[in-house]
Amino acid sequence: MNVTIKDIAKVAKVSYSTVSKALNNSPLVREDTKRRIVEIAKELGYEPNFAAQRLASKQTRIIGLIWPTIERVVLSTLVTKISDKINATPYSMILSVDPVQIALDTFKRFQTDGIILFEENTDISIDTSSIPLLSYGVAGKENSPYPIIDANHEQAMYEAVHYLTQLGHTNIVYIGDLSSTDPMQIEKYNGFKKAMTLFGLPGDNDQLIDTAGLNAYDGYLATLKTLANSTHPTAIVGGSFDISGGIIRGIKERNLKIPEDISIISYDNIPQMADIEIPLTCIGVPVDTLATEIVTTIIKFIEEKDVHPLVKKLTPILNERASCAAKK
């Protein structure tokens, strides 16, 4: 007699759904429960019929990822982490760097089970009625039609400014992309201005230096502009890892020392920040945490057709390294 998941569920005293998820290595099942179910399945001689499973579930076990670029270090690191975590489940990933609408159409043709969307300069109406979609973006849309993982940029800026004020810095500037269309960049510089005001420091446009881009050279040029004045800030908040690399180059070119003359704290939180010539103090959600939340949430959305809360704000973590010091 063929053993079914109903037989396993009866012995394990769990639901059919839990057995199905466990046998498919779903991250939604606790590891100890998963191991017990797998052991019971082996003892009963259960042999899965993969073709029947796919026909019954009508799933392809493919998740589509819409990404703006893989050229920036942080994004390529996050993409790799997401891919690794998806590959540890029964699902596979397809990556697209095409414009959002083209990527959406492609993934629908491939009949992907779900889509992860990075909302950078995305301003289109997205129909999510036919496929589960998760956004890595910024909470702010009223009645968002899809769940959002938010890295909490405003809180990160608060923590950065707070940290620098504790070191005695008051002449602090933000060097980053002052985009009017990218919601993540907007929340960063607005968060910086709000934090400066909360700590009784000037938060006007003189403290905001526009890189007009997100790569290291953009950060370098903006830093040269900042340091061209007779007085310079004692502390800089860099808008990203790549931008902060350019900031370091610009400071060194002006024969100033980090952190003796200028302290730097950078947004983003990836392992590479500890390995550069001046290890960067940083603030942000650790990339591994971010990838785990994204993958777990999209799979939960695919398998359970529902996610609560719809918006999940993560907690930024401060990593202290060699790029910051007390103001002299």
Protein backbone atom coordinates (compact mmCIF):
# COMPACT_ATOMS: atom_id res chain seq x y z
CA MET A 1 0.00 0.00 0.00
CA ASN A 2 1.33 3.44 -0.94
CA VAL A 3 2.09 5.72 1.99
CA THR A 4 0.57 9.21 1.66
CA ILE A 5 1.14 12.50 3.47
CA LYS A 6 -2.13 11.81 5.30
CA ASP A 7 -0.53 8.72 6.84
CA ILE A 8 2.53 10.74 7.87
CA ALA A 9 0.36 13.52 9.29
CA LYS A 10 -1.60 11.02 11.40
CA VAL A 11 1.57 9.56 12.94
CA ALA A 12 3.25 12.95 13.40
CA LYS A 13 0.02 14.49 14.76
CA VAL A 14 0.28 17.55 12.53
CA SER A 15 -1.74 18.90 9.62
CA TYR A 16 -1.43 17.67 6.03
CA SER A 17 -0.19 21.15 5.12
CA THR A 18 2.65 20.98 7.65
CA VAL A 19 3.76 17.60 6.31
CA SER A 20 3.74 18.91 2.75
CA LYS A 21 5.80 21.96 3.70
CA ALA A 22 8.27 19.89 5.73
CA LEU A 23 8.84 17.37 2.93
CA ASN A 24 9.46 20.28 0.56
CA ASN A 25 12.01 21.78 2.98
CA SER A 26 9.92 24.91 3.48
CA PRO A 27 11.48 27.52 5.79
CA LEU A 28 8.00 28.02 7.26
CA VAL A 29 8.31 24.81 9.30
CA ARG A 30 10.47 24.69 12.44
CA GLU A 31 13.64 22.64 11.96
CA ASP A 32 12.89 20.18 14.77
CA THR A 33 9.37 19.56 13.40
CA LYS A 34 10.78 19.19 9.89
CA ARG A 35 13.36 16.61 11.01
CA ARG A 36 10.73 14.59 12.90
CA ILE A 37 8.38 14.54 9.89
CA VAL A 38 11.18 13.51 7.52
CA GLU A 39 12.21 10.69 9.89
CA ILE A 40 8.61 9.43 10.12
CA ALA A 41 8.29 9.55 6.33
CA LYS A 42 11.44 7.41 5.98
CA GLU A 43 10.24 4.93 8.59
CA LEU A 44 6.89 4.54 6.79
CA GLY A 45 8.62 4.12 3.43
CA TYR A 46 7.11 7.24 1.85
CA GLU A 47 8.15 7.85 -1.76
CA PRO A 48 7.13 11.24 -3.21
CA ASN A 49 5.60 11.46 -6.66
CA PHE A 50 7.14 14.71 -7.91
CA ALA A 51 5.18 14.85 -11.14
CA ALA A 52 1.91 14.43 -9.29
CA GLN A 53 2.95 17.05 -6.74
CA ARG A 54 3.61 19.62 -9.42
CA LEU A 55 0.34 18.90 -11.20
CA ALA A 56 -1.59 19.07 -7.96
CA SER A 57 0.02 22.26 -6.70
CA LYS A 58 0.17 23.98 -10.10
CA GLN A 59 3.51 25.45 -9.03
CA THR A 60 6.76 25.83 -10.97
CA ARG A 61 8.88 26.35 -7.82
CA ILE A 62 10.45 29.41 -9.47
CA ILE A 63 10.72 32.90 -7.94
CA GLY A 64 11.47 35.90 -10.13
CA LEU A 65 13.69 38.73 -8.88
CA ILE A 66 13.43 42.18 -10.51
CA TRP A 67 16.62 44.10 -9.74
CA PRO A 68 17.83 47.52 -10.99
CA THR A 69 21.50 46.62 -11.38
CA ILE A 70 24.15 44.19 -10.19
CA GLU A 71 26.97 46.70 -10.68
CA ARG A 72 26.86 48.15 -7.15
CA VAL A 73 28.62 46.09 -4.49
CA VAL A 74 25.79 46.07 -1.97
CA LEU A 75 23.17 45.03 -4.49
CA SER A 76 25.28 42.23 -5.92
CA THR A 77 25.97 41.01 -2.36
CA LEU A 78 22.26 41.05 -1.52
CA VAL A 79 21.33 39.28 -4.77
CA THR A 80 23.87 36.56 -3.99
CA LYS A 81 22.52 36.13 -0.45
CA ILE A 82 18.93 35.94 -1.71
CA SER A 83 19.93 33.38 -4.33
CA ASP A 84 21.76 31.25 -1.73
CA LYS A 85 18.77 31.26 0.58
CA ILE A 86 16.31 30.43 -2.19
CA ASN A 87 18.56 27.58 -3.34
CA ALA A 88 18.39 26.15 0.19
CA THR A 89 14.63 25.67 -0.35
CA PRO A 90 12.76 23.71 -3.05
CA TYR A 91 12.56 26.93 -5.10
CA SER A 92 14.85 28.34 -7.78
CA MET A 93 15.43 31.97 -8.78
CA ILE A 94 15.39 33.85 -12.08
CA LEU A 95 17.02 37.30 -12.06
CA SER A 96 15.98 40.12 -14.39
CA VAL A 97 17.56 43.57 -14.71
CA ASP A 98 15.07 44.58 -17.42
CA PRO A 99 12.64 47.47 -16.85
CA VAL A 100 9.95 46.48 -14.37
CA GLN A 101 7.07 46.00 -16.82
CA ILE A 102 9.18 43.90 -19.20
CA ALA A 103 10.42 41.76 -16.31
CA LEU A 104 6.88 41.29 -14.98
CA ASP A 105 5.65 40.15 -18.40
CA THR A 106 8.58 37.74 -18.73
CA PHE A 107 7.99 36.19 -15.31
CA LYS A 108 4.29 35.76 -16.02
CA ARG A 109 5.16 33.87 -19.21
CA PHE A 110 7.49 31.65 -17.19
CA GLN A 111 4.62 31.15 -14.72
CA THR A 112 6.80 31.95 -11.73
CA ASP A 113 5.18 31.28 -8.38
CA GLY A 114 6.14 34.68 -6.99
CA ILE A 115 8.10 37.87 -7.68
CA ILE A 116 10.51 39.94 -5.57
CA LEU A 117 10.66 43.57 -6.69
CA PHE A 118 13.37 46.08 -5.77
CA GLU A 119 11.62 49.44 -5.87
CA GLU A 120 14.29 51.83 -7.08
CA ASN A 121 12.82 54.64 -9.22
CA THR A 122 9.76 52.46 -9.84
CA ASP A 123 6.67 54.47 -10.70
CA ILE A 124 4.27 52.18 -12.52
CA SER A 125 0.98 50.56 -11.66
CA ILE A 126 1.55 46.88 -10.92
CA ASP A 127 -1.21 44.30 -11.22
CA THR A 128 -0.65 41.77 -8.44
CA SER A 129 -3.93 39.91 -8.79
CA SER A 130 -2.41 37.04 -10.78
CA ILE A 131 0.86 36.42 -8.91
CA PRO A 132 2.23 36.97 -5.37
CA LEU A 133 4.62 39.95 -5.34
CA LEU A 134 6.87 41.19 -2.54
CA SER A 135 8.57 44.57 -2.56
CA TYR A 136 11.93 45.44 -1.05
CA GLY A 137 11.23 49.12 -0.69
CA VAL A 138 9.88 51.85 1.55
CA ALA A 139 6.65 51.79 3.50
CA GLY A 140 4.56 54.81 2.67
CA LYS A 141 2.04 53.75 0.11
CA GLU A 142 -1.45 53.74 1.51
CA ASN A 143 -3.23 50.43 1.05
CA SER A 144 -0.26 48.83 -0.67
CA PRO A 145 -1.47 45.89 -2.79
CA TYR A 146 1.56 43.79 -1.85
CA PRO A 147 3.76 43.20 1.22
CA ILE A 148 6.83 45.40 1.72
CA ILE A 149 10.14 44.67 3.43
CA ASP A 150 11.45 48.05 4.62
CA ALA A 151 15.08 48.44 5.76
CA ASN A 152 14.03 51.44 7.90
CA HIS A 153 16.35 54.06 6.41
CA GLU A 154 14.95 56.84 8.59
CA GLN A 155 15.83 54.96 11.77
CA ALA A 156 19.28 54.21 10.36
CA MET A 157 19.94 57.92 9.84
CA TYR A 158 18.76 58.68 13.37
CA GLU A 159 21.17 56.09 14.77
CA ALA A 160 24.04 57.46 12.64
CA VAL A 161 23.55 61.05 13.77
CA HIS A 162 23.00 59.97 17.37
CA TYR A 163 26.25 58.00 17.34
CA LEU A 164 28.24 60.94 15.95
CA THR A 165 26.78 63.39 18.47
CA GLN A 166 27.78 61.03 21.26
CA LEU A 167 31.34 61.35 19.94
CA GLY A 168 31.03 65.13 20.21
CA HIS A 169 30.44 65.98 16.55
CA THR A 170 28.14 68.84 15.64
CA ASN A 171 29.44 69.79 12.19
CA ILE A 172 27.99 66.80 10.35
CA VAL A 173 27.08 66.51 6.67
CA TYR A 174 25.30 63.89 4.61
CA ILE A 175 26.86 62.94 1.28
CA GLY A 176 24.47 60.93 -0.86
CA ASP A 177 22.15 60.87 -3.84
CA LEU A 178 19.47 63.53 -3.32
CA SER A 179 17.17 61.86 -5.84
CA SER A 180 13.59 63.07 -6.06
CA THR A 181 12.33 59.76 -7.49
CA ASP A 182 14.12 56.98 -5.59
CA PRO A 183 12.11 56.31 -2.38
CA MET A 184 15.06 54.76 -0.55
CA GLN A 185 17.35 57.74 -1.19
CA ILE A 186 14.56 60.17 -0.30
CA GLU A 187 14.02 58.48 3.04
CA LYS A 188 17.75 58.54 3.80
CA TYR A 189 18.27 62.27 3.37
CA ASN A 190 14.93 63.19 4.89
CA GLY A 191 15.80 60.92 7.81
CA PHE A 192 19.15 62.68 8.18
CA LYS A 193 17.51 66.12 8.22
CA LYS A 194 14.95 64.97 10.78
CA ALA A 195 17.64 63.47 13.02
CA MET A 196 19.75 66.64 12.88
CA THR A 197 16.74 68.71 13.94
CA LEU A 198 15.95 66.31 16.79
CA PHE A 199 19.48 66.75 18.13
CA GLY A 200 19.35 70.52 17.81
CA LEU A 201 21.77 70.67 14.89
CA PRO A 202 21.35 72.50 11.58
CA GLY A 203 19.53 70.26 9.14
CA ASP A 204 19.19 72.58 6.17
CA ASN A 205 20.46 72.08 2.63
CA ASP A 206 24.01 73.16 3.57
CA GLN A 207 24.37 69.82 5.35
CA LEU A 208 23.19 67.85 2.30
CA ILE A 209 25.77 67.20 -0.42
CA ASP A 210 24.34 65.73 -3.62
CA THR A 211 26.36 63.00 -5.32
CA ALA A 212 23.79 62.84 -8.16
CA GLY A 213 24.56 59.14 -8.40
CA LEU A 214 25.29 56.04 -6.35
CA ASN A 215 28.79 54.95 -7.33
CA ALA A 216 32.20 55.63 -5.77
CA TYR A 217 33.20 58.30 -8.28
CA ASP A 218 30.04 60.24 -7.50
CA GLY A 219 31.00 60.16 -3.82
CA TYR A 220 34.56 61.23 -4.63
CA LEU A 221 33.49 64.30 -6.64
CA ALA A 222 30.97 65.35 -4.00
CA THR A 223 33.64 65.06 -1.30
CA LEU A 224 36.09 67.24 -3.22
CA LYS A 225 33.35 69.86 -3.50
CA THR A 226 32.67 69.65 0.23
CA LEU A 227 36.32 69.97 1.20
CA ALA A 228 36.96 72.90 -1.15
CA ASN A 229 35.64 75.25 1.54
CA SER A 230 37.98 76.79 4.10
CA THR A 231 36.25 74.84 6.87
CA HIS A 232 35.25 71.23 6.60
CA PRO A 233 32.87 68.99 8.54
CA THR A 234 34.25 66.87 11.34
CA ALA A 235 31.94 63.99 10.46
CA ILE A 236 30.27 62.64 7.33
CA VAL A 237 27.36 60.25 6.91
CA GLY A 238 27.83 58.42 3.60
CA GLY A 239 24.69 57.44 1.69
CA SER A 240 25.96 53.99 0.66
CA PHE A 241 28.97 51.68 0.75
CA ASP A 242 29.98 52.63 -2.79
CA ILE A 243 29.60 56.36 -2.13
CA SER A 244 31.62 56.05 1.08
CA GLY A 245 34.48 54.47 -0.87
CA GLY A 246 34.60 57.66 -2.92
CA ILE A 247 34.42 59.78 0.23
CA ILE A 248 37.49 58.02 1.62
CA ARG A 249 39.39 58.67 -1.61
CA GLY A 250 38.45 62.37 -1.60
CA ILE A 251 39.49 62.87 2.04
CA LYS A 252 42.84 61.19 1.50
CA GLU A 253 43.47 63.27 -1.63
CA ARG A 254 43.11 66.40 0.51
CA ASN A 255 45.73 65.02 2.90
CA LEU A 256 43.23 64.69 5.72
CA LYS A 257 43.18 61.71 8.05
CA ILE A 258 40.33 59.35 8.93
CA PRO A 259 39.16 59.46 11.69
CA GLU A 260 41.54 62.03 13.21
CA ASP A 261 40.35 64.88 10.97
CA ILE A 262 37.04 63.54 9.69
CA SER A 263 34.94 60.65 10.91
CA ILE A 264 32.83 58.62 8.47
CA ILE A 265 29.82 56.44 9.14
CA SER A 266 28.33 54.75 6.11
CA TYR A 267 24.87 53.49 5.33
CA ASP A 268 24.69 49.77 4.35
CA ASN A 269 25.81 46.79 6.37
CA ILE A 270 27.77 44.19 4.41
CA PRO A 271 30.84 42.15 5.45
CA GLN A 272 33.06 43.91 2.87
CA MET A 273 32.95 47.08 5.00
CA ALA A 274 35.34 45.46 7.48
CA ASP A 275 37.91 44.60 4.82
CA ILE A 276 38.67 47.93 3.08
CA GLU A 277 41.76 50.07 3.78
CA ILE A 278 39.90 51.97 6.51
CA PRO A 279 37.31 49.62 8.02
CA LEU A 280 34.01 51.49 7.92
CA THR A 281 31.73 52.10 10.84
CA CYS A 282 28.32 51.41 9.34
CA ILE A 283 24.61 51.48 10.00
CA GLY A 284 21.95 49.37 8.31
CA VAL A 285 20.13 46.07 8.36
CA PRO A 286 22.73 43.28 8.00
CA VAL A 287 22.58 41.89 4.48
CA ASP A 288 22.06 38.32 5.70
CA THR A 289 19.09 39.40 7.84
CA LEU A 290 17.62 41.32 4.92
CA ALA A 291 17.95 38.37 2.54
CA THR A 292 16.40 35.98 5.08
CA GLU A 293 13.38 38.22 5.60
CA ILE A 294 12.84 38.69 1.87
CA VAL A 295 13.03 34.98 1.04
CA THR A 296 10.99 33.80 4.03
CA THR A 297 8.25 36.34 3.35
CA ILE A 298 7.88 35.63 -0.38
CA ILE A 299 7.70 31.87 0.24
CA LYS A 300 5.13 32.39 3.00
CA PHE A 301 3.12 34.57 0.60
CA ILE A 302 3.31 31.91 -2.15
CA GLU A 303 2.40 28.99 0.09
CA GLU A 304 -0.15 30.58 2.41
CA LYS A 305 -1.54 33.29 0.07
CA ASP A 306 -1.44 35.77 2.91
CA VAL A 307 1.16 37.79 4.82
CA HIS A 308 0.76 39.81 8.01
CA PRO A 309 1.85 42.46 8.62
CA LEU A 310 1.84 43.77 5.05
CA VAL A 311 4.69 46.14 5.93
CA LYS A 312 7.66 44.87 7.94
CA LYS A 313 10.22 47.42 9.09
CA LEU A 314 13.53 45.85 10.03
CA THR A 315 15.97 47.06 12.68
CA PRO A 316 19.22 48.75 11.56
CA ILE A 317 22.37 47.60 13.38
CA LEU A 318 25.41 49.80 14.10
CA ASN A 319 28.84 48.23 13.58
CA GLU A 320 31.69 50.27 15.07
CA ARG A 321 34.99 50.15 13.23
CA ALA A 322 38.02 52.37 12.62
CA SER A 323 36.46 55.22 10.61
CA CYS A 324 34.96 57.16 13.55
CA ALA A 325 36.53 58.81 16.59
CA ALA A 326 35.67 61.41 19.22
CA LYS A 327 35.92 65.02 18.06
CA LYS A 328 39.13 66.62 19.22
